[in-house]
Amino acid sequence: MDTHSVYIQSLASIYPQDKAVEGRLSASEPDYKEWIKEAGLRRRMSRIVKMGVTAGLQCLQDTSKKPEAIITATGLGCLADTEKFLQSIGSQNEELLSPTPFIQSTFNTIGAQIALLSANKTYNSTYVHRAFSFESALLDGMMQLQGGDAGSVLVGAVDELTPTVYHILERMGTWRKFPAGEGASFFLLGNKRTAQTTARIVAVDMQSGNFSREQLTQKYSGFLQTNGVADARIVSGEMFKSICGEYQTASSFGLWYACTQLSGDGFVLVTNSYLNNHTAVLIEKFTEE
């Protein structure tokens, strides 16, 4: 066993598959009945929770062993339920409020529901660090594996787009380069390479600052050199955000895209910028054995 290597054993993504409508890209959602069997539970779940839970369960479908950690990430969390709860505060004069929207609006709802549905009582954590959310969760998963605390870890990210948030961020100029987007992407990580292994995660980098394109290029070159990689294919946000749209954890889709849509072996650098937050994930991609 290589205790220093982290491998992607399986992955799943729910993402937009149609053209943008009025500057927005909506996720193409599956039939949730196939993954969340209980009708009452489905009704209580908001859209983002169903997306995240289903993507996580899809990622786990080909493994019989439960992961020893479930780590989720989100930039803005369960927005629809948060809005619903806040609206009820005003409309009901802060009296007789239903607790359900508040309970479902908490950031750790998705990771908790995955754990409940898969009967998993292991380490469960959620990261809410804006554009660094997914990479923070990924680093935690890598440390769980490299420290010997786990043999497999489920890591994923999910964000939703609501009309309210779309209009607020539109006024802030967020959608100038890319259409607004949303989605859920999950990865099952392990410390052994198997026949199903898609890629090896080499390193993760996060930096904040108002950098020029030339400065970012220099930083990414230095990141590759630090990790002993002379050359790597670049999968940038300019490439994958034309598909998934702009949102705070869009880099999770970028990693899914690099693992599933690029052919051939070799190193791939997945880069993303959201406002002044810049991330890079270096992977070594494998062809299936």
Protein backbone atom coordinates (compact mmCIF):
# COMPACT_ATOMS: atom_id res chain seq x y z
CA MET A 1 0.00 0.00 0.00
CA ASP A 2 1.28 3.48 -0.92
CA THR A 3 0.31 5.61 2.07
CA HIS A 4 1.38 8.81 0.31
CA SER A 5 -0.78 8.44 -2.80
CA VAL A 6 -4.45 9.30 -3.16
CA TYR A 7 -6.42 7.72 -6.00
CA ILE A 8 -9.83 8.50 -7.46
CA GLN A 9 -11.66 5.17 -7.48
CA SER A 10 -15.05 6.33 -8.74
CA LEU A 11 -16.81 9.59 -9.47
CA ALA A 12 -20.21 11.00 -10.35
CA SER A 13 -21.60 14.36 -11.38
CA ILE A 14 -24.98 16.00 -11.89
CA TYR A 15 -24.41 19.01 -14.13
CA PRO A 16 -26.07 21.13 -16.84
CA GLN A 17 -26.37 19.32 -20.16
CA ASP A 18 -28.41 21.89 -22.10
CA LYS A 19 -27.68 25.36 -23.40
CA ALA A 20 -27.97 28.37 -21.15
CA VAL A 21 -31.39 29.99 -20.91
CA GLU A 22 -31.36 33.71 -20.08
CA GLY A 23 -27.79 33.45 -18.85
CA ARG A 24 -28.44 30.48 -16.58
CA LEU A 25 -27.43 26.83 -16.76
CA SER A 26 -29.62 24.39 -14.81
CA ALA A 27 -28.46 20.95 -13.75
CA SER A 28 -29.97 18.00 -15.64
CA GLU A 29 -31.41 16.04 -12.76
CA PRO A 30 -31.87 12.25 -12.74
CA ASP A 31 -34.93 10.32 -11.59
CA TYR A 32 -34.48 10.66 -7.84
CA LYS A 33 -36.82 7.74 -7.15
CA GLU A 34 -34.06 5.37 -8.25
CA TRP A 35 -31.70 6.65 -5.54
CA ILE A 36 -33.93 7.96 -2.75
CA LYS A 37 -36.54 5.24 -2.39
CA GLU A 38 -38.72 6.70 0.36
CA ALA A 39 -41.30 9.09 -1.12
CA GLY A 40 -41.78 11.00 2.13
CA LEU A 41 -38.06 11.60 2.45
CA ARG A 42 -37.86 12.86 -1.14
CA ARG A 43 -40.68 15.33 -0.48
CA ARG A 44 -38.92 16.72 2.57
CA MET A 45 -35.63 17.16 0.70
CA SER A 46 -34.95 20.37 -1.18
CA ARG A 47 -33.57 20.29 -4.70
CA ILE A 48 -29.93 20.81 -3.68
CA VAL A 49 -30.14 18.06 -1.08
CA LYS A 50 -31.55 15.59 -3.62
CA MET A 51 -28.83 16.54 -6.11
CA GLY A 52 -26.01 16.14 -3.61
CA VAL A 53 -27.31 12.95 -2.02
CA THR A 54 -27.93 11.31 -5.39
CA ALA A 55 -24.49 12.22 -6.75
CA GLY A 56 -22.91 10.84 -3.58
CA LEU A 57 -24.90 7.59 -3.76
CA GLN A 58 -24.06 7.23 -7.47
CA CYS A 59 -20.39 7.50 -6.57
CA LEU A 60 -20.77 4.72 -3.99
CA GLN A 61 -22.89 2.36 -6.10
CA ASP A 62 -20.03 0.13 -7.28
CA THR A 63 -18.41 -0.41 -3.92
CA SER A 64 -19.55 -2.72 -1.16
CA LYS A 65 -17.25 -1.20 1.44
CA LYS A 66 -18.41 1.91 3.26
CA PRO A 67 -16.05 4.91 3.12
CA GLU A 68 -14.41 5.77 6.41
CA ALA A 69 -15.18 9.46 5.97
CA ILE A 70 -17.80 11.59 4.19
CA ILE A 71 -16.60 15.11 3.43
CA THR A 72 -18.80 17.61 1.59
CA ALA A 73 -18.30 21.16 0.39
CA THR A 74 -20.56 24.02 -0.64
CA GLY A 75 -20.07 27.68 -1.36
CA LEU A 76 -23.52 28.98 -0.47
CA GLY A 77 -25.35 25.95 0.90
CA CYS A 78 -29.05 25.19 0.79
CA LEU A 79 -30.26 28.51 -0.54
CA ALA A 80 -33.87 27.62 -1.35
CA ASP A 81 -34.57 26.38 2.18
CA THR A 82 -32.77 29.36 3.69
CA GLU A 83 -34.90 31.74 1.64
CA LYS A 84 -38.05 29.84 2.59
CA PHE A 85 -37.24 30.04 6.28
CA LEU A 86 -36.41 33.75 6.15
CA GLN A 87 -39.59 34.52 4.23
CA SER A 88 -41.67 32.66 6.83
CA ILE A 89 -40.13 34.78 9.59
CA GLY A 90 -41.60 37.89 8.00
CA SER A 91 -44.90 36.47 6.80
CA GLN A 92 -45.70 34.83 10.18
CA ASN A 93 -44.36 37.62 12.38
CA GLU A 94 -41.74 35.28 13.85
CA GLU A 95 -44.46 33.02 15.28
CA LEU A 96 -45.38 29.35 14.65
CA LEU A 97 -42.43 28.81 12.34
CA SER A 98 -41.98 25.38 10.80
CA PRO A 99 -38.56 24.01 11.83
CA THR A 100 -38.19 21.90 8.67
CA PRO A 101 -36.83 24.62 6.33
CA PHE A 102 -34.34 25.69 9.00
CA ILE A 103 -33.16 22.12 9.63
CA GLN A 104 -32.84 21.47 5.90
CA SER A 105 -31.00 24.76 5.32
CA THR A 106 -27.94 23.86 7.39
CA PHE A 107 -24.75 23.35 5.43
CA ASN A 108 -24.10 19.80 6.65
CA THR A 109 -27.51 18.47 5.57
CA ILE A 110 -26.19 16.77 2.44
CA GLY A 111 -23.35 14.91 4.12
CA ALA A 112 -25.67 13.89 6.95
CA GLN A 113 -28.32 12.53 4.56
CA ILE A 114 -25.72 10.52 2.62
CA ALA A 115 -24.56 9.03 5.92
CA LEU A 116 -28.11 8.18 6.99
CA LEU A 117 -29.06 6.58 3.68
CA SER A 118 -25.85 4.53 3.52
CA ALA A 119 -25.90 3.68 7.26
CA ASN A 120 -22.48 5.25 7.68
CA LYS A 121 -21.47 6.45 11.17
CA THR A 122 -17.90 7.50 10.40
CA TYR A 123 -16.20 10.92 10.24
CA ASN A 124 -18.52 13.46 8.60
CA SER A 125 -17.55 17.05 7.88
CA THR A 126 -18.64 19.95 5.67
CA TYR A 127 -16.50 22.82 4.36
CA VAL A 128 -18.01 26.22 3.55
CA HIS A 129 -15.05 28.32 2.35
CA ARG A 130 -16.53 30.08 -0.68
CA ALA A 131 -14.40 29.29 -3.77
CA PHE A 132 -11.98 27.25 -1.63
CA SER A 133 -14.72 24.96 -0.29
CA PHE A 134 -14.12 21.96 -2.56
CA GLU A 135 -10.34 22.12 -2.38
CA SER A 136 -10.52 22.34 1.43
CA ALA A 137 -12.68 19.21 1.51
CA LEU A 138 -10.30 17.51 -0.91
CA LEU A 139 -7.30 18.31 1.27
CA ASP A 140 -9.10 16.94 4.33
CA GLY A 141 -9.85 13.71 2.44
CA MET A 142 -6.24 13.42 1.33
CA MET A 143 -5.00 13.90 4.91
CA GLN A 144 -7.44 11.26 6.18
CA LEU A 145 -5.94 8.77 3.72
CA GLN A 146 -2.30 9.79 3.99
CA GLY A 147 -2.44 9.80 7.79
CA GLY A 148 -3.73 6.25 7.83
CA ASP A 149 -7.04 7.19 9.43
CA ALA A 150 -9.05 5.89 6.48
CA GLY A 151 -8.78 3.54 3.53
CA SER A 152 -11.46 5.26 1.46
CA VAL A 153 -13.11 8.68 1.64
CA LEU A 154 -16.12 10.18 -0.13
CA VAL A 155 -15.52 13.83 -1.09
CA GLY A 156 -17.96 16.00 -2.98
CA ALA A 157 -19.30 19.48 -3.61
CA VAL A 158 -22.70 20.90 -4.46
CA ASP A 159 -24.22 24.34 -5.06
CA GLU A 160 -27.59 25.43 -6.38
CA LEU A 161 -28.83 28.49 -8.24
CA THR A 162 -32.00 30.21 -7.12
CA PRO A 163 -33.68 33.19 -8.84
CA THR A 164 -32.98 35.42 -5.83
CA VAL A 165 -29.26 34.68 -5.74
CA TYR A 166 -29.03 34.95 -9.52
CA HIS A 167 -30.38 38.49 -9.49
CA ILE A 168 -28.28 39.56 -6.49
CA LEU A 169 -25.03 38.27 -8.00
CA GLU A 170 -26.01 39.63 -11.42
CA ARG A 171 -26.06 43.13 -9.93
CA MET A 172 -22.60 42.42 -8.50
CA GLY A 173 -21.29 41.48 -11.97
CA THR A 174 -20.60 37.82 -11.16
CA TRP A 175 -21.89 36.51 -14.50
CA ARG A 176 -19.82 38.74 -16.80
CA LYS A 177 -17.59 35.96 -18.14
CA PHE A 178 -19.70 32.82 -17.74
CA PRO A 179 -23.38 31.99 -17.37
CA ALA A 180 -24.64 31.20 -13.90
CA GLY A 181 -24.48 27.50 -13.09
CA GLU A 182 -24.95 24.79 -10.50
CA GLY A 183 -24.21 21.13 -9.93
CA ALA A 184 -22.99 18.31 -7.70
CA SER A 185 -19.79 16.28 -8.17
CA PHE A 186 -18.52 13.51 -5.89
CA PHE A 187 -15.34 11.41 -5.76
CA LEU A 188 -14.50 8.22 -3.90
CA LEU A 189 -10.85 8.42 -2.89
CA GLY A 190 -8.64 5.53 -1.82
CA ASN A 191 -5.00 4.77 -1.02
CA LYS A 192 -4.71 1.82 -3.42
CA ARG A 193 -4.66 1.82 -7.19
CA THR A 194 -7.19 -0.63 -8.65
CA ALA A 195 -8.47 -1.53 -12.10
CA GLN A 196 -11.20 1.12 -11.67
CA THR A 197 -8.81 3.90 -10.66
CA THR A 198 -9.23 7.00 -12.82
CA ALA A 199 -6.44 9.24 -11.58
CA ARG A 200 -3.99 10.00 -8.79
CA ILE A 201 -4.30 13.30 -6.96
CA VAL A 202 -0.81 14.76 -6.72
CA ALA A 203 -1.33 18.13 -5.03
CA VAL A 204 -3.81 20.93 -4.34
CA ASP A 205 -3.08 24.67 -4.30
CA MET A 206 -5.17 27.68 -3.18
CA GLN A 207 -4.21 31.34 -3.43
CA SER A 208 -5.98 34.67 -3.01
CA GLY A 209 -5.07 37.85 -4.81
CA ASN A 210 -5.79 40.12 -7.75
CA PHE A 211 -3.32 38.44 -10.11
CA SER A 212 -2.87 39.09 -13.81
CA ARG A 213 -3.06 36.22 -16.30
CA GLU A 214 0.74 36.29 -16.57
CA GLN A 215 1.16 36.11 -12.80
CA LEU A 216 -1.23 33.17 -12.56
CA THR A 217 0.64 31.37 -15.34
CA GLN A 218 3.89 31.84 -13.41
CA LYS A 219 2.31 30.58 -10.20
CA TYR A 220 0.95 27.48 -11.91
CA SER A 221 4.34 26.80 -13.51
CA GLY A 222 5.98 27.06 -10.10
CA PHE A 223 3.32 24.72 -8.66
CA LEU A 224 4.16 22.11 -11.30
CA GLN A 225 7.90 22.46 -10.67
CA THR A 226 7.43 22.13 -6.92
CA ASN A 227 5.72 18.79 -7.52
CA GLY A 228 8.36 17.57 -9.96
CA VAL A 229 6.15 17.78 -13.06
CA ALA A 230 7.72 19.22 -16.21
CA ASP A 231 4.59 19.39 -18.33
CA ALA A 232 0.84 18.99 -17.84
CA ARG A 233 -2.30 19.51 -19.84
CA ILE A 234 -4.30 22.46 -18.56
CA VAL A 235 -8.03 22.21 -17.89
CA SER A 236 -9.02 25.75 -16.93
CA GLY A 237 -12.27 27.31 -15.84
CA GLU A 238 -12.49 28.90 -19.29
CA MET A 239 -12.88 25.36 -20.64
CA PHE A 240 -15.24 23.62 -18.21
CA LYS A 241 -17.35 26.57 -16.99
CA SER A 242 -18.79 26.94 -20.48
CA ILE A 243 -20.48 23.60 -19.65
CA CYS A 244 -21.30 23.82 -15.93
CA GLY A 245 -21.52 27.58 -15.52
CA GLU A 246 -20.10 29.77 -12.78
CA TYR A 247 -20.57 28.85 -9.12
CA GLN A 248 -18.35 28.67 -6.08
CA THR A 249 -17.60 24.95 -6.25
CA ALA A 250 -17.43 24.68 -10.05
CA SER A 251 -13.86 23.36 -9.73
CA SER A 252 -15.33 20.04 -8.55
CA PHE A 253 -16.96 19.67 -11.98
CA GLY A 254 -13.63 20.65 -13.53
CA LEU A 255 -11.96 17.72 -11.79
CA TRP A 256 -14.76 15.39 -12.93
CA TYR A 257 -14.38 16.73 -16.48
CA ALA A 258 -10.61 16.18 -16.48
CA CYS A 259 -11.02 12.58 -15.25
CA THR A 260 -13.84 11.54 -17.59
CA GLN A 261 -13.62 13.62 -20.75
CA LEU A 262 -9.87 13.70 -21.47
CA SER A 263 -8.30 10.71 -23.19
CA GLY A 264 -4.84 9.33 -22.61
CA ASP A 265 -2.46 9.17 -19.66
CA GLY A 266 -0.36 11.93 -18.16
CA PHE A 267 -0.52 14.88 -15.80
CA VAL A 268 -3.43 17.31 -15.87
CA LEU A 269 -3.67 20.62 -14.03
CA VAL A 270 -7.24 21.70 -13.24
CA THR A 271 -7.32 25.45 -12.58
CA ASN A 272 -10.15 27.75 -11.55
CA SER A 273 -10.63 31.39 -10.59
CA TYR A 274 -13.65 32.83 -8.81
CA LEU A 275 -13.28 36.54 -8.16
CA ASN A 276 -9.83 36.78 -6.50
CA ASN A 277 -9.70 33.15 -5.35
CA HIS A 278 -7.56 30.83 -7.46
CA THR A 279 -7.22 27.07 -7.15
CA ALA A 280 -5.26 24.31 -8.85
CA VAL A 281 -5.54 20.53 -8.57
CA LEU A 282 -2.77 18.45 -10.12
CA ILE A 283 -3.68 14.89 -11.09
CA GLU A 284 -2.01 12.04 -12.94
CA LYS A 285 -4.61 10.55 -15.23
CA PHE A 286 -4.69 6.82 -16.00
CA THR A 287 -6.26 4.77 -18.73
CA GLU A 288 -8.42 1.98 -17.30
CA GLU A 289 -6.43 -1.24 -16.89
